[in-house]
Protein backbone atom coordinates (compact mmCIF):
# COMPACT_ATOMS: atom_id res chain seq x y z
CA MET A 1 15.51 -27.91 -10.85
CA TYR A 2 11.78 -27.14 -10.55
CA ILE A 3 12.29 -24.70 -7.71
CA GLU A 4 14.99 -22.85 -9.62
CA GLY A 5 12.76 -22.70 -12.69
CA ARG A 6 10.02 -21.20 -10.60
CA ALA A 7 12.43 -18.76 -8.95
CA GLY A 8 13.03 -16.81 -12.16
CA LEU A 9 9.36 -16.06 -12.66
CA SER A 10 8.81 -15.40 -8.96
CA GLU A 11 11.57 -12.82 -8.99
CA LYS A 12 9.98 -11.03 -11.93
CA LEU A 13 6.63 -11.02 -10.14
CA LEU A 14 8.22 -9.70 -6.97
CA HIS A 15 9.94 -6.83 -8.75
CA TYR A 16 6.82 -6.00 -10.76
CA SER A 17 5.18 -4.25 -7.82
CA SER A 18 8.17 -1.94 -7.34
CA HIS A 19 7.94 -0.40 -10.82
CA THR A 20 6.28 2.89 -11.64
CA PRO A 21 2.82 2.75 -13.22
CA GLU A 22 4.37 3.65 -16.58
CA GLU A 23 6.84 0.76 -16.37
CA LYS A 24 4.32 -1.77 -15.09
CA GLU A 25 2.54 -2.23 -18.41
CA THR A 26 5.78 -3.12 -20.20
CA LYS A 27 6.94 -5.36 -17.35
CA LEU A 28 3.58 -7.14 -17.24
CA ASP A 29 3.81 -7.85 -20.97
CA LEU A 30 7.28 -9.37 -20.43
CA ILE A 31 6.01 -11.47 -17.52
CA LYS A 32 3.04 -12.71 -19.54
CA GLY A 33 5.23 -13.55 -22.51
CA GLY A 34 7.74 -15.50 -20.41
CA THR A 35 5.00 -17.25 -18.49
CA THR A 36 3.23 -18.58 -21.57
CA SER A 37 6.29 -19.26 -23.70
CA HIS A 38 8.78 -20.60 -21.18
CA TYR A 39 7.73 -21.23 -17.58
CA PHE A 40 4.27 -22.74 -17.86
CA PRO A 41 5.09 -24.96 -20.86
CA ALA A 42 7.97 -26.48 -18.89
CA PHE A 43 5.80 -27.29 -15.87
CA GLU A 44 2.99 -28.55 -18.09
CA MET A 45 5.43 -30.82 -19.94
CA VAL A 46 6.69 -32.34 -16.68
CA LEU A 47 3.17 -33.04 -15.44
CA LYS A 48 2.19 -34.51 -18.80
CA SER A 49 5.35 -36.64 -19.14
CA HIS A 50 4.80 -38.79 -16.08
CA GLY A 51 1.04 -38.49 -15.60
CA GLN A 52 1.40 -38.31 -11.82
CA GLU A 53 -0.36 -36.03 -9.40
CA TYR A 54 2.69 -33.98 -8.39
CA LEU A 55 5.73 -32.57 -10.16
CA THR A 56 8.03 -35.24 -8.76
CA GLY A 57 5.59 -38.14 -8.91
CA ASN A 58 3.00 -39.31 -6.39
CA LYS A 59 4.44 -37.51 -3.39
CA LEU A 60 4.03 -33.86 -2.47
CA SER A 61 7.34 -31.99 -2.61
CA ARG A 62 8.67 -28.53 -1.98
CA ALA A 63 8.50 -27.93 -5.73
CA ASP A 64 4.72 -28.47 -5.67
CA ILE A 65 4.25 -25.99 -2.84
CA HIS A 66 6.31 -23.40 -4.71
CA LEU A 67 4.38 -24.06 -7.91
CA MET A 68 1.06 -23.57 -6.13
CA ALA A 69 2.21 -20.24 -4.69
CA LEU A 70 3.43 -19.17 -8.13
CA LEU A 71 0.14 -20.14 -9.77
CA TYR A 72 -1.82 -18.14 -7.20
CA HIS A 73 0.37 -15.11 -7.85
CA VAL A 74 0.05 -15.36 -11.63
CA GLU A 75 -3.71 -15.85 -11.36
CA GLU A 76 -3.94 -12.58 -9.44
CA LEU A 77 -2.21 -10.73 -12.28
CA ASP A 78 -4.07 -12.36 -15.15
CA SER A 79 -6.22 -15.44 -14.73
CA SER A 80 -6.19 -16.11 -18.48
CA LEU A 81 -2.51 -17.08 -18.39
CA THR A 82 -3.29 -20.64 -17.28
CA SER A 83 -6.04 -21.18 -19.87
CA SER A 84 -3.71 -22.91 -22.36
CA PHE A 85 -2.26 -25.20 -19.70
CA PRO A 86 -4.91 -27.72 -18.62
CA LEU A 87 -2.68 -29.58 -16.15
CA LEU A 88 -1.65 -26.38 -14.39
CA LYS A 89 -5.29 -25.28 -14.39
CA ALA A 90 -6.12 -28.62 -12.76
CA VAL A 91 -3.51 -27.90 -10.08
CA LEU A 92 -5.27 -24.60 -9.35
CA CYS A 93 -8.65 -26.32 -9.18
CA ALA A 94 -7.25 -28.98 -6.86
CA LEU A 95 -5.69 -26.50 -4.43
CA PRO A 96 -8.55 -26.46 -1.92
CA ALA A 97 -8.47 -30.26 -1.70
CA LEU A 98 -4.67 -30.20 -1.48
CA LYS A 99 -4.80 -27.64 1.32
CA THR A 100 -7.16 -29.92 3.23
CA ARG A 101 -4.96 -32.94 2.60
CA ILE A 102 -1.81 -31.10 3.69
CA SER A 103 -3.46 -29.80 6.85
CA LYS A 104 -4.18 -33.41 7.86
CA LEU A 105 -0.50 -34.42 7.79
CA PRO A 106 0.49 -35.11 11.43
CA THR A 107 3.25 -32.51 11.68
CA VAL A 108 1.21 -29.85 9.89
CA LYS A 109 -1.88 -30.69 11.93
CA LYS A 110 0.11 -30.24 15.15
CA PHE A 111 1.52 -26.94 13.87
CA LEU A 112 -1.97 -25.65 13.06
CA GLN A 113 -3.42 -26.47 16.48
CA PRO A 114 -4.54 -23.47 18.56
CA GLY A 115 -1.74 -22.39 20.85
CA SER A 116 1.08 -23.84 18.77
CA LEU A 117 4.08 -21.58 18.37
CA ARG A 118 3.68 -20.38 14.81
CA LYS A 119 5.81 -17.36 15.61
CA PHE A 120 8.39 -16.81 18.26
CA PRO A 121 6.89 -15.13 21.30
CA ILE A 122 8.15 -11.60 21.67
CA ASP A 123 7.94 -9.21 24.59
CA ALA A 124 8.35 -5.42 24.59
CA LYS A 125 12.13 -5.68 25.06
CA GLY A 126 12.47 -8.11 22.14
CA LEU A 127 10.27 -5.94 19.96
CA GLU A 128 12.47 -2.90 20.66
CA ALA A 129 15.60 -4.90 19.87
CA ALA A 130 14.08 -6.07 16.56
CA LYS A 131 13.56 -2.51 15.31
CA ILE A 132 16.17 -1.75 12.69
CA PHE A 133 15.22 1.83 11.94
CA LYS A 134 14.70 4.31 14.71
CA VAL A 135 11.96 6.61 13.44
């Protein structure tokens, strides 16, 4: 439910960059309005209702990761949008500590080690095969 709620706003943010400069002002106003009247109040209410550290309680979930990414994106557009939402603002302030905590999880720590396969290795033949458009 939380991920789907976040998806609507994320989609609007994604499409925002593809609009012409003339359209962007109108689209940004719509994004701001929806953010402060619909999306952020819902997330704030959930955090307030259970008083836990994460959206789904005391355990980090996919919904929290998506919320953090969304908050970063919204902050880039207009940092004042979180000002009326103290619990979401607290999430933003806690992100550096959360990043450190997440990076210490055994599977994440192993993934972040130098030499780990973060991306599939690709040779010249594989790179040529991956090209979709021949320019």
